[in-house]
Amino acid sequence: MSTPVNGSKDVTVVHVMRHGEVENPTGILYGRLPGYHLSELGRQMADRVAEHLAPRDITYVCASPLERAQETATPIAKVHGLDLDTDERLIEADNVFQGKTFGVGDGALQRPGNWKHLVNPFRPSWGEPYVDQVVRMTAALNAAKDRARGHEAVLVSHQLPIWIVRSYVERRRLWHDPRKRQCTLASLTSFTYLGDKIVSVGYSEPAIDLVPAHLRAGAKPQKGGNAAQGKAFGA
């Protein structure tokens, strides 16, 4: 059961999980493109988190429609005997660089054709506005809270939308340095509701031993053309 807060039983926890590692040997910024599945390591991450969450009072599991999120959520739903739901609001942020390589140190920022997309980091000008991400992610969180009221829910989404909604809840500015997001592969950002109000946010990394060091939260990006070693815009 969820731990009561201030003696109340109306406590709901919504865990928002980032998907596991994706099979992406060419280092494409895959964004919302279909056809990108978990790697073998990514499947191990998903299984590890499912095992970690097995004792929890989870009554609702939902994922972004993208394959990597669906595949990450499947073992969690299975271990709890639940059907997996899908919510379009959990999808990755839209990005004009989708389908291209755009890694730290690969020269992308020096290409004149890209400059028009980089003029406003506060909105941001290269993709879905941060405010729009807050609106849809907050709605998805609230819907999950209502479905699992008094229990726990798991939503599987993507790094940037998770970080943006957490930043909003914790009253931080939405524009940020992408290298400093605390949202490692297969991590859990957990929102605790008392009634309909979020009263705390937690963060955990149940599969951290499976995450390569250069992909962990706060790791310094590696230079080179492999976007998997230092994406500029998350995944």
Protein backbone atom coordinates (compact mmCIF):
# COMPACT_ATOMS: atom_id res chain seq x y z
CA MET A 1 0.00 0.00 0.00
CA SER A 2 1.06 3.60 -0.52
CA THR A 3 2.38 5.26 2.62
CA PRO A 4 -0.18 7.67 4.11
CA VAL A 5 0.77 11.32 4.40
CA ASN A 6 -0.48 13.27 7.42
CA GLY A 7 -2.71 10.32 8.30
CA SER A 8 -4.61 10.46 5.00
CA LYS A 9 -5.30 7.39 2.90
CA ASP A 10 -5.83 9.46 -0.24
CA VAL A 11 -2.22 9.14 -1.31
CA THR A 12 -1.30 8.19 -4.87
CA VAL A 13 2.17 7.76 -6.33
CA VAL A 14 2.76 8.14 -10.06
CA HIS A 15 6.17 6.85 -11.15
CA VAL A 16 7.30 8.27 -14.50
CA MET A 17 9.97 6.03 -15.99
CA ARG A 18 12.35 6.81 -18.80
CA HIS A 19 12.61 3.94 -21.28
CA GLY A 20 15.66 1.66 -21.46
CA GLU A 21 18.55 1.79 -23.91
CA VAL A 22 17.60 1.79 -27.59
CA GLU A 23 19.24 -0.11 -30.45
CA ASN A 24 20.67 2.82 -32.42
CA PRO A 25 24.08 1.94 -33.90
CA THR A 26 24.19 4.93 -36.27
CA GLY A 27 23.52 7.48 -33.53
CA ILE A 28 20.35 8.95 -35.07
CA LEU A 29 18.31 11.44 -33.06
CA TYR A 30 15.25 9.23 -33.44
CA GLY A 31 12.70 11.45 -31.70
CA ARG A 32 9.20 10.31 -32.67
CA LEU A 33 10.34 8.10 -35.56
CA PRO A 34 8.90 4.57 -35.53
CA GLY A 35 11.02 1.45 -35.64
CA TYR A 36 13.43 2.12 -32.77
CA HIS A 37 13.33 -0.75 -30.30
CA LEU A 38 15.09 -1.55 -27.05
CA SER A 39 18.53 -3.09 -27.29
CA GLU A 40 19.32 -6.27 -25.40
CA LEU A 41 20.71 -4.10 -22.61
CA GLY A 42 17.54 -2.00 -22.71
CA ARG A 43 15.43 -5.11 -22.22
CA GLN A 44 17.56 -6.04 -19.23
CA MET A 45 16.94 -2.57 -17.80
CA ALA A 46 13.19 -2.97 -18.26
CA ASP A 47 13.23 -6.34 -16.54
CA ARG A 48 15.31 -4.96 -13.68
CA VAL A 49 12.85 -2.14 -13.01
CA ALA A 50 9.91 -4.54 -13.26
CA GLU A 51 11.56 -6.68 -10.60
CA HIS A 52 12.24 -3.59 -8.46
CA LEU A 53 8.58 -2.52 -8.68
CA ALA A 54 7.10 -5.99 -8.19
CA PRO A 55 6.36 -5.49 -4.44
CA ARG A 56 4.72 -2.11 -5.01
CA ASP A 57 0.98 -1.46 -5.01
CA ILE A 58 0.80 -0.68 -8.74
CA THR A 59 -2.68 -0.77 -10.28
CA TYR A 60 -2.13 1.11 -13.56
CA VAL A 61 0.64 0.98 -16.18
CA CYS A 62 0.71 3.23 -19.25
CA ALA A 63 3.29 4.17 -21.88
CA SER A 64 4.07 6.48 -24.74
CA PRO A 65 3.04 4.95 -28.09
CA LEU A 66 6.66 4.69 -29.26
CA GLU A 67 8.10 1.16 -29.39
CA ARG A 68 10.90 1.75 -26.89
CA ALA A 69 8.42 2.95 -24.26
CA GLN A 70 5.93 0.15 -24.93
CA GLU A 71 8.68 -2.47 -24.64
CA THR A 72 9.95 -0.93 -21.39
CA ALA A 73 6.48 -0.90 -19.82
CA THR A 74 5.47 -4.42 -20.88
CA PRO A 75 7.35 -6.40 -18.18
CA ILE A 76 6.08 -4.01 -15.49
CA ALA A 77 2.47 -4.54 -16.54
CA LYS A 78 3.05 -8.29 -16.80
CA VAL A 79 4.47 -8.70 -13.30
CA HIS A 80 1.38 -6.97 -11.88
CA GLY A 81 -1.09 -8.82 -14.10
CA LEU A 82 -2.25 -5.59 -15.73
CA ASP A 83 -3.12 -4.56 -19.27
CA LEU A 84 -0.77 -1.94 -20.72
CA ASP A 85 -2.47 1.33 -21.59
CA THR A 86 -1.17 3.90 -24.11
CA ASP A 87 -1.28 7.69 -23.77
CA GLU A 88 -0.20 9.91 -26.67
CA ARG A 89 0.55 12.68 -24.17
CA LEU A 90 3.60 10.74 -22.94
CA ILE A 91 5.31 10.83 -26.35
CA GLU A 92 8.79 12.23 -26.98
CA ALA A 93 9.10 15.97 -27.63
CA ASP A 94 8.90 16.97 -31.28
CA ASN A 95 12.26 18.05 -32.72
CA VAL A 96 13.30 19.46 -36.11
CA PHE A 97 16.55 17.48 -35.95
CA GLN A 98 14.70 14.16 -35.82
CA GLY A 99 16.27 11.64 -38.17
CA LYS A 100 19.67 13.35 -38.12
CA THR A 101 22.81 12.89 -36.09
CA PHE A 102 23.12 15.74 -33.63
CA GLY A 103 25.69 14.85 -31.00
CA VAL A 104 27.86 17.00 -28.79
CA GLY A 105 31.09 17.78 -30.63
CA ASP A 106 29.91 16.58 -34.07
CA GLY A 107 29.91 20.06 -35.64
CA ALA A 108 26.13 20.38 -35.90
CA LEU A 109 26.14 23.81 -34.24
CA GLN A 110 28.52 25.09 -36.93
CA ARG A 111 26.26 24.18 -39.85
CA PRO A 112 24.54 27.34 -41.18
CA GLY A 113 21.41 25.39 -42.08
CA ASN A 114 20.84 24.62 -38.41
CA TRP A 115 21.23 28.17 -37.08
CA LYS A 116 17.64 29.22 -37.75
CA HIS A 117 16.47 26.47 -35.40
CA LEU A 118 18.77 27.51 -32.56
CA VAL A 119 17.85 31.17 -32.12
CA ASN A 120 15.68 30.77 -29.02
CA PRO A 121 16.71 28.23 -26.36
CA PHE A 122 13.99 29.49 -24.02
CA ARG A 123 11.02 28.28 -26.09
CA PRO A 124 12.88 26.23 -27.60
CA SER A 125 13.03 27.15 -31.30
CA TRP A 126 14.17 23.67 -32.42
CA GLY A 127 11.12 21.78 -31.25
CA GLU A 128 8.00 21.47 -29.14
CA PRO A 129 7.62 24.41 -26.73
CA TYR A 130 8.42 23.57 -23.12
CA VAL A 131 5.06 24.95 -22.01
CA ASP A 132 3.24 22.55 -24.33
CA GLN A 133 5.18 19.65 -22.83
CA VAL A 134 4.19 20.75 -19.34
CA VAL A 135 0.51 20.88 -20.32
CA ARG A 136 0.35 17.41 -21.86
CA MET A 137 2.58 15.70 -19.28
CA THR A 138 0.67 17.24 -16.38
CA ALA A 139 -2.58 16.02 -17.93
CA ALA A 140 -1.13 12.50 -18.32
CA LEU A 141 0.06 12.51 -14.70
CA ASN A 142 -3.32 13.63 -13.42
CA ALA A 143 -5.13 11.01 -15.50
CA ALA A 144 -2.87 8.29 -14.08
CA LYS A 145 -3.45 9.63 -10.57
CA ASP A 146 -7.19 9.33 -11.07
CA ARG A 147 -6.89 5.79 -12.46
CA ALA A 148 -4.72 4.62 -9.55
CA ARG A 149 -6.13 6.78 -6.77
CA GLY A 150 -4.97 5.48 -3.38
CA HIS A 151 -2.44 3.18 -5.06
CA GLU A 152 0.48 3.58 -7.49
CA ALA A 153 0.84 3.99 -11.25
CA VAL A 154 3.75 3.69 -13.69
CA LEU A 155 4.03 5.83 -16.82
CA VAL A 156 6.84 5.22 -19.32
CA SER A 157 7.93 8.29 -21.25
CA HIS A 158 11.07 10.04 -22.51
CA GLN A 159 13.86 12.09 -21.02
CA LEU A 160 12.95 15.63 -22.03
CA PRO A 161 9.21 15.56 -21.23
CA ILE A 162 9.94 13.91 -17.88
CA TRP A 163 12.57 16.50 -16.98
CA ILE A 164 10.38 19.40 -18.09
CA VAL A 165 7.37 18.36 -16.02
CA ARG A 166 9.60 17.72 -13.01
CA SER A 167 11.18 21.15 -13.44
CA TYR A 168 7.73 22.72 -13.56
CA VAL A 169 6.53 20.92 -10.44
CA GLU A 170 9.72 21.85 -8.58
CA ARG A 171 9.37 25.46 -9.78
CA ARG A 172 12.58 25.61 -11.77
CA ARG A 173 12.98 27.45 -15.06
CA LEU A 174 12.13 25.26 -18.02
CA TRP A 175 15.09 26.17 -20.22
CA HIS A 176 18.19 24.31 -19.11
CA ASP A 177 21.46 22.64 -20.05
CA PRO A 178 20.49 19.22 -21.53
CA ARG A 179 23.68 17.69 -20.13
CA LYS A 180 22.49 18.31 -16.58
CA ARG A 181 19.12 16.54 -16.69
CA GLN A 182 18.70 14.09 -13.84
CA CYS A 183 16.88 11.48 -15.87
CA THR A 184 19.06 8.47 -16.61
CA LEU A 185 17.89 5.57 -18.77
CA ALA A 186 15.35 3.39 -16.90
CA SER A 187 15.16 5.89 -14.01
CA LEU A 188 12.02 6.62 -12.01
CA THR A 189 10.79 10.14 -11.26
CA SER A 190 8.06 9.61 -8.68
CA PHE A 191 5.30 12.14 -7.97
CA THR A 192 3.38 11.69 -4.72
CA TYR A 193 -0.13 13.14 -4.59
CA LEU A 194 -2.13 13.92 -1.48
CA GLY A 195 -5.61 14.08 -2.92
CA ASP A 196 -5.16 16.00 -6.16
CA LYS A 197 -2.05 17.92 -5.13
CA ILE A 198 1.55 16.86 -5.71
CA VAL A 199 3.31 17.04 -2.34
CA SER A 200 6.71 15.53 -3.17
CA VAL A 201 8.93 14.37 -6.01
CA GLY A 202 11.42 11.53 -5.73
CA TYR A 203 14.06 10.14 -8.08
CA SER A 204 15.66 6.68 -8.21
CA GLU A 205 17.78 4.59 -10.57
CA PRO A 206 16.96 0.89 -10.01
CA ALA A 207 19.00 -0.22 -13.04
CA ILE A 208 21.96 2.15 -12.65
CA ASP A 209 24.52 -0.68 -12.68
CA LEU A 210 23.36 -1.53 -16.21
CA VAL A 211 23.64 2.03 -17.53
CA PRO A 212 26.96 2.85 -19.27
CA ALA A 213 28.84 5.51 -17.33
CA HIS A 214 28.72 8.07 -20.15
CA LEU A 215 24.90 7.86 -20.26
CA ARG A 216 24.28 8.42 -16.56
CA ALA A 217 22.74 11.60 -15.20
CA GLY A 218 25.32 14.35 -14.92
CA ALA A 219 27.96 12.51 -16.97
CA LYS A 220 30.15 14.64 -19.19
CA PRO A 221 29.24 14.13 -22.86
CA GLN A 222 31.84 12.52 -25.09
CA LYS A 223 32.87 14.26 -28.28
CA GLY A 224 32.29 12.59 -31.61
CA GLY A 225 29.60 11.81 -34.14
CA ASN A 226 27.85 9.10 -32.12
CA ALA A 227 24.73 10.76 -30.77
CA ALA A 228 24.28 7.90 -28.34
CA GLN A 229 27.35 9.23 -26.50
CA GLY A 230 26.13 12.79 -26.03
CA LYS A 231 22.79 13.81 -27.41
CA ALA A 232 22.04 17.49 -27.41
CA PHE A 233 18.29 17.09 -27.02
CA GLY A 234 17.66 13.91 -25.09
CA ALA A 235 15.69 10.81 -26.03
